[in-house]
N, C-alpha and C. Protein backbone atom coordinates (compact mmCIF):
# COMPACT_ATOMS: atom_id res chain seq x y z
N MET A 1 88.59 35.63 130.27
CA MET A 1 89.41 36.80 130.61
C MET A 1 88.71 38.06 130.10
N ALA A 2 88.66 39.05 130.94
CA ALA A 2 88.00 40.31 130.57
C ALA A 2 88.83 41.07 129.54
N ASN A 3 88.15 41.69 128.59
CA ASN A 3 88.83 42.44 127.53
C ASN A 3 89.05 43.90 127.91
N THR A 4 88.23 44.42 128.79
CA THR A 4 88.35 45.83 129.16
C THR A 4 88.31 45.95 130.68
N LEU A 5 88.74 47.09 131.16
CA LEU A 5 88.70 47.37 132.59
C LEU A 5 87.26 47.33 133.10
N ASP A 6 86.35 47.93 132.36
CA ASP A 6 84.94 47.93 132.77
C ASP A 6 84.40 46.50 132.86
N GLU A 7 84.75 45.67 131.89
CA GLU A 7 84.28 44.29 131.89
C GLU A 7 84.86 43.53 133.08
N LEU A 8 86.13 43.75 133.37
CA LEU A 8 86.76 43.10 134.52
C LEU A 8 86.04 43.48 135.81
N ILE A 9 85.78 44.76 135.99
CA ILE A 9 85.09 45.24 137.20
C ILE A 9 83.71 44.60 137.32
N ARG A 10 83.01 44.51 136.22
CA ARG A 10 81.64 43.96 136.21
C ARG A 10 81.60 42.46 136.43
N THR A 11 82.56 41.73 135.87
CA THR A 11 82.45 40.27 135.82
C THR A 11 83.36 39.52 136.79
N SER A 12 84.31 40.18 137.39
CA SER A 12 85.26 39.49 138.26
C SER A 12 84.56 38.90 139.48
N GLU A 13 84.89 37.66 139.78
CA GLU A 13 84.36 37.04 140.99
C GLU A 13 85.07 37.58 142.22
N ASN A 14 86.30 38.03 142.04
CA ASN A 14 87.07 38.62 143.13
C ASN A 14 86.92 40.14 143.10
N PRO A 15 87.10 40.78 144.25
CA PRO A 15 87.17 42.24 144.24
C PRO A 15 88.32 42.69 143.33
N VAL A 16 88.17 43.87 142.73
CA VAL A 16 89.18 44.40 141.82
C VAL A 16 89.75 45.68 142.43
N PHE A 17 91.06 45.68 142.63
CA PHE A 17 91.79 46.82 143.19
C PHE A 17 92.53 47.48 142.04
N ILE A 18 92.30 48.78 141.82
CA ILE A 18 92.94 49.49 140.71
C ILE A 18 93.83 50.59 141.26
N ASP A 19 95.07 50.59 140.79
CA ASP A 19 96.05 51.62 141.12
C ASP A 19 96.26 52.47 139.88
N PHE A 20 95.76 53.71 139.91
CA PHE A 20 96.01 54.66 138.82
C PHE A 20 97.30 55.39 139.15
N TRP A 21 98.26 55.35 138.25
CA TRP A 21 99.61 55.86 138.52
C TRP A 21 100.23 56.44 137.25
N ALA A 22 101.42 57.03 137.40
CA ALA A 22 102.22 57.50 136.26
C ALA A 22 103.69 57.36 136.64
N GLU A 23 104.53 57.19 135.62
CA GLU A 23 105.96 56.99 135.86
C GLU A 23 106.61 58.19 136.52
N TRP A 24 106.15 59.39 136.23
CA TRP A 24 106.75 60.62 136.76
C TRP A 24 106.30 60.96 138.17
N CYS A 25 105.38 60.20 138.72
CA CYS A 25 104.76 60.50 140.01
C CYS A 25 105.53 59.85 141.16
N GLY A 26 106.16 60.68 141.99
CA GLY A 26 106.92 60.18 143.14
C GLY A 26 106.08 59.37 144.11
N PRO A 27 104.92 59.88 144.56
CA PRO A 27 104.08 59.09 145.47
C PRO A 27 103.62 57.76 144.85
N CYS A 28 103.46 57.74 143.52
CA CYS A 28 103.07 56.50 142.84
C CYS A 28 104.19 55.46 142.98
N ARG A 29 105.43 55.92 142.83
CA ARG A 29 106.57 55.00 142.99
C ARG A 29 106.63 54.50 144.43
N THR A 30 106.30 55.38 145.39
CA THR A 30 106.27 54.98 146.79
C THR A 30 105.22 53.89 147.01
N MET A 31 104.06 54.02 146.37
CA MET A 31 102.96 53.07 146.54
C MET A 31 103.18 51.76 145.79
N ALA A 32 104.05 51.75 144.81
CA ALA A 32 104.24 50.56 143.98
C ALA A 32 104.54 49.32 144.82
N GLN A 33 105.41 49.45 145.79
CA GLN A 33 105.77 48.31 146.65
C GLN A 33 104.57 47.84 147.46
N ALA A 34 103.81 48.78 148.01
CA ALA A 34 102.63 48.42 148.81
C ALA A 34 101.58 47.71 147.95
N VAL A 35 101.37 48.19 146.73
CA VAL A 35 100.40 47.57 145.83
C VAL A 35 100.87 46.17 145.45
N GLN A 36 102.16 46.02 145.20
CA GLN A 36 102.73 44.71 144.87
C GLN A 36 102.56 43.75 146.05
N GLU A 37 102.78 44.23 147.25
CA GLU A 37 102.62 43.41 148.45
C GLU A 37 101.16 43.01 148.64
N LEU A 38 100.24 43.93 148.38
CA LEU A 38 98.80 43.64 148.46
C LEU A 38 98.45 42.52 147.48
N ALA A 39 98.94 42.64 146.25
CA ALA A 39 98.66 41.63 145.23
C ALA A 39 99.20 40.27 145.66
N LYS A 40 100.36 40.26 146.26
CA LYS A 40 100.98 39.00 146.70
C LYS A 40 100.22 38.39 147.87
N GLU A 41 99.93 39.20 148.89
CA GLU A 41 99.24 38.68 150.08
C GLU A 41 97.84 38.18 149.77
N PHE A 42 97.12 38.88 148.88
CA PHE A 42 95.74 38.53 148.59
C PHE A 42 95.58 37.83 147.23
N SER A 43 96.66 37.24 146.75
CA SER A 43 96.64 36.51 145.47
C SER A 43 95.51 35.48 145.47
N GLY A 44 94.71 35.49 144.41
CA GLY A 44 93.59 34.57 144.30
C GLY A 44 92.33 35.07 144.99
N ARG A 45 92.46 36.17 145.76
CA ARG A 45 91.29 36.71 146.47
C ARG A 45 90.94 38.11 146.02
N ILE A 46 91.93 38.84 145.50
CA ILE A 46 91.74 40.18 144.95
C ILE A 46 92.48 40.25 143.63
N THR A 47 91.87 40.86 142.64
CA THR A 47 92.54 41.11 141.36
C THR A 47 93.10 42.52 141.41
N VAL A 48 94.41 42.64 141.25
CA VAL A 48 95.08 43.94 141.31
C VAL A 48 95.47 44.36 139.90
N VAL A 49 95.09 45.59 139.54
CA VAL A 49 95.36 46.13 138.22
C VAL A 49 96.03 47.49 138.37
N LYS A 50 97.06 47.74 137.59
CA LYS A 50 97.72 49.05 137.56
C LYS A 50 97.36 49.71 136.23
N VAL A 51 96.91 50.95 136.31
CA VAL A 51 96.52 51.71 135.11
C VAL A 51 97.39 52.96 135.03
N ASN A 52 98.20 53.04 133.99
CA ASN A 52 99.05 54.21 133.76
C ASN A 52 98.17 55.30 133.15
N VAL A 53 98.01 56.41 133.88
CA VAL A 53 97.10 57.48 133.44
C VAL A 53 97.59 58.18 132.18
N ASP A 54 98.90 58.15 131.92
CA ASP A 54 99.42 58.76 130.70
C ASP A 54 99.10 57.91 129.47
N ARG A 55 99.04 56.61 129.66
CA ARG A 55 98.76 55.70 128.55
C ARG A 55 97.26 55.43 128.39
N GLN A 56 96.51 55.60 129.48
CA GLN A 56 95.07 55.33 129.43
C GLN A 56 94.29 56.50 130.08
N PRO A 57 94.40 57.69 129.47
CA PRO A 57 93.72 58.85 130.06
C PRO A 57 92.20 58.70 130.08
N ASP A 58 91.64 57.96 129.14
CA ASP A 58 90.18 57.77 129.11
C ASP A 58 89.71 57.01 130.35
N ALA A 59 90.48 56.01 130.76
CA ALA A 59 90.11 55.24 131.96
C ALA A 59 90.18 56.14 133.19
N ALA A 60 91.23 56.94 133.28
CA ALA A 60 91.36 57.86 134.41
C ALA A 60 90.19 58.84 134.45
N ALA A 61 89.81 59.35 133.30
CA ALA A 61 88.69 60.29 133.23
C ALA A 61 87.37 59.60 133.60
N ARG A 62 87.18 58.40 133.11
CA ARG A 62 85.94 57.66 133.36
C ARG A 62 85.73 57.42 134.86
N PHE A 63 86.83 57.19 135.59
CA PHE A 63 86.73 56.94 137.02
C PHE A 63 87.01 58.19 137.85
N GLN A 64 86.99 59.35 137.19
CA GLN A 64 87.12 60.66 137.84
C GLN A 64 88.39 60.76 138.70
N VAL A 65 89.49 60.26 138.15
CA VAL A 65 90.78 60.35 138.83
C VAL A 65 91.31 61.76 138.63
N GLN A 66 91.46 62.50 139.72
CA GLN A 66 91.93 63.88 139.64
C GLN A 66 93.34 64.05 140.19
N SER A 67 93.79 63.11 141.02
CA SER A 67 95.16 63.13 141.51
C SER A 67 95.63 61.69 141.66
N ILE A 68 96.94 61.51 141.57
CA ILE A 68 97.49 60.16 141.65
C ILE A 68 98.57 60.10 142.72
N PRO A 69 98.82 58.93 143.27
CA PRO A 69 98.14 57.68 142.96
C PRO A 69 96.69 57.71 143.45
N ALA A 70 95.81 57.18 142.63
CA ALA A 70 94.41 57.00 143.01
C ALA A 70 94.19 55.50 143.13
N LEU A 71 93.61 55.10 144.24
CA LEU A 71 93.40 53.69 144.51
C LEU A 71 91.90 53.47 144.66
N LEU A 72 91.37 52.52 143.88
CA LEU A 72 89.95 52.22 143.92
C LEU A 72 89.77 50.72 144.13
N LEU A 73 88.76 50.37 144.90
CA LEU A 73 88.44 48.98 145.15
C LEU A 73 86.99 48.74 144.77
N PHE A 74 86.78 47.80 143.87
CA PHE A 74 85.44 47.44 143.41
C PHE A 74 85.10 46.04 143.89
N ASP A 75 83.85 45.83 144.23
CA ASP A 75 83.37 44.50 144.55
C ASP A 75 82.01 44.34 143.90
N LYS A 76 81.89 43.31 143.10
CA LYS A 76 80.64 43.05 142.37
C LYS A 76 80.20 44.26 141.55
N GLY A 77 81.18 44.94 140.96
CA GLY A 77 80.90 46.06 140.07
C GLY A 77 80.73 47.41 140.73
N ALA A 78 80.70 47.45 142.05
CA ALA A 78 80.48 48.72 142.76
C ALA A 78 81.75 49.17 143.47
N VAL A 79 81.95 50.49 143.51
CA VAL A 79 83.09 51.04 144.25
C VAL A 79 82.83 50.85 145.73
N LYS A 80 83.76 50.19 146.40
CA LYS A 80 83.65 49.97 147.84
C LYS A 80 84.55 50.91 148.63
N TRP A 81 85.60 51.41 147.95
CA TRP A 81 86.57 52.27 148.63
C TRP A 81 87.40 52.99 147.58
N ARG A 82 87.79 54.22 147.88
CA ARG A 82 88.71 54.95 147.01
C ARG A 82 89.46 55.97 147.83
N THR A 83 90.69 56.23 147.41
CA THR A 83 91.51 57.24 148.05
C THR A 83 92.54 57.73 147.05
N ALA A 84 93.20 58.80 147.39
CA ALA A 84 94.30 59.31 146.57
C ALA A 84 95.46 59.61 147.51
N GLY A 85 96.67 59.38 147.01
CA GLY A 85 97.86 59.65 147.80
C GLY A 85 98.49 58.38 148.33
N ALA A 86 99.71 58.53 148.81
CA ALA A 86 100.47 57.40 149.31
C ALA A 86 100.11 57.10 150.76
N MET A 87 100.26 55.84 151.12
CA MET A 87 100.05 55.40 152.51
C MET A 87 100.89 54.16 152.75
N PRO A 88 101.23 53.88 154.00
CA PRO A 88 102.01 52.69 154.27
C PRO A 88 101.18 51.42 154.01
N TYR A 89 101.87 50.31 153.77
CA TYR A 89 101.18 49.06 153.46
C TYR A 89 100.20 48.66 154.55
N ALA A 90 100.58 48.77 155.81
CA ALA A 90 99.69 48.37 156.90
C ALA A 90 98.36 49.12 156.83
N SER A 91 98.42 50.40 156.52
CA SER A 91 97.19 51.20 156.40
C SER A 91 96.38 50.77 155.18
N LEU A 92 97.05 50.54 154.06
CA LEU A 92 96.36 50.10 152.84
C LEU A 92 95.66 48.78 153.09
N ARG A 93 96.36 47.84 153.68
CA ARG A 93 95.80 46.52 153.98
C ARG A 93 94.57 46.66 154.86
N GLN A 94 94.67 47.47 155.91
CA GLN A 94 93.55 47.66 156.83
C GLN A 94 92.35 48.30 156.13
N GLU A 95 92.60 49.27 155.28
CA GLU A 95 91.51 49.93 154.54
C GLU A 95 90.78 48.92 153.63
N VAL A 96 91.55 48.09 152.94
CA VAL A 96 90.96 47.08 152.05
C VAL A 96 90.14 46.09 152.86
N LEU A 97 90.68 45.61 153.96
CA LEU A 97 89.94 44.66 154.80
C LEU A 97 88.65 45.27 155.33
N MET A 98 88.72 46.51 155.76
CA MET A 98 87.52 47.18 156.28
C MET A 98 86.49 47.40 155.18
N ALA A 99 86.94 47.79 154.00
CA ALA A 99 86.02 48.06 152.89
C ALA A 99 85.26 46.81 152.47
N LEU A 100 85.92 45.68 152.53
CA LEU A 100 85.30 44.43 152.08
C LEU A 100 84.70 43.65 153.23
N GLY A 101 84.99 44.04 154.44
CA GLY A 101 84.55 43.23 155.58
C GLY A 101 85.53 42.08 155.70
N SER A 102 86.17 41.92 156.83
CA SER A 102 87.24 40.93 156.98
C SER A 102 86.79 39.52 156.64
N GLY A 103 85.51 39.21 156.79
CA GLY A 103 85.02 37.87 156.44
C GLY A 103 85.00 37.61 154.95
N ARG A 104 85.01 38.66 154.14
CA ARG A 104 84.95 38.53 152.67
C ARG A 104 86.27 37.98 152.12
N LEU A 105 87.37 38.24 152.82
CA LEU A 105 88.67 37.78 152.35
C LEU A 105 89.10 36.66 153.24
């Protein structure tokens, strides 16, 4: 098990999806259901992590998160996709599939 976010990104055999969020953020609350659905649908194929920017500001700074929700997808340690703002689940799912290539999942 990885001890840090950086270690998880570097060593995970599965792609790592990170949701940077905060409790006070309305769009983050909107995205929470979509992120949960992504984690459920791709269980065992994608590792989903939620990072509270108020509790882990260093992580947000390290990944240059300037607005939230910020969604990042890493594969084999490299950023494959990133966006900020809310979107419907169907769009999120499609973006993830395109970023990884549908054959990867």
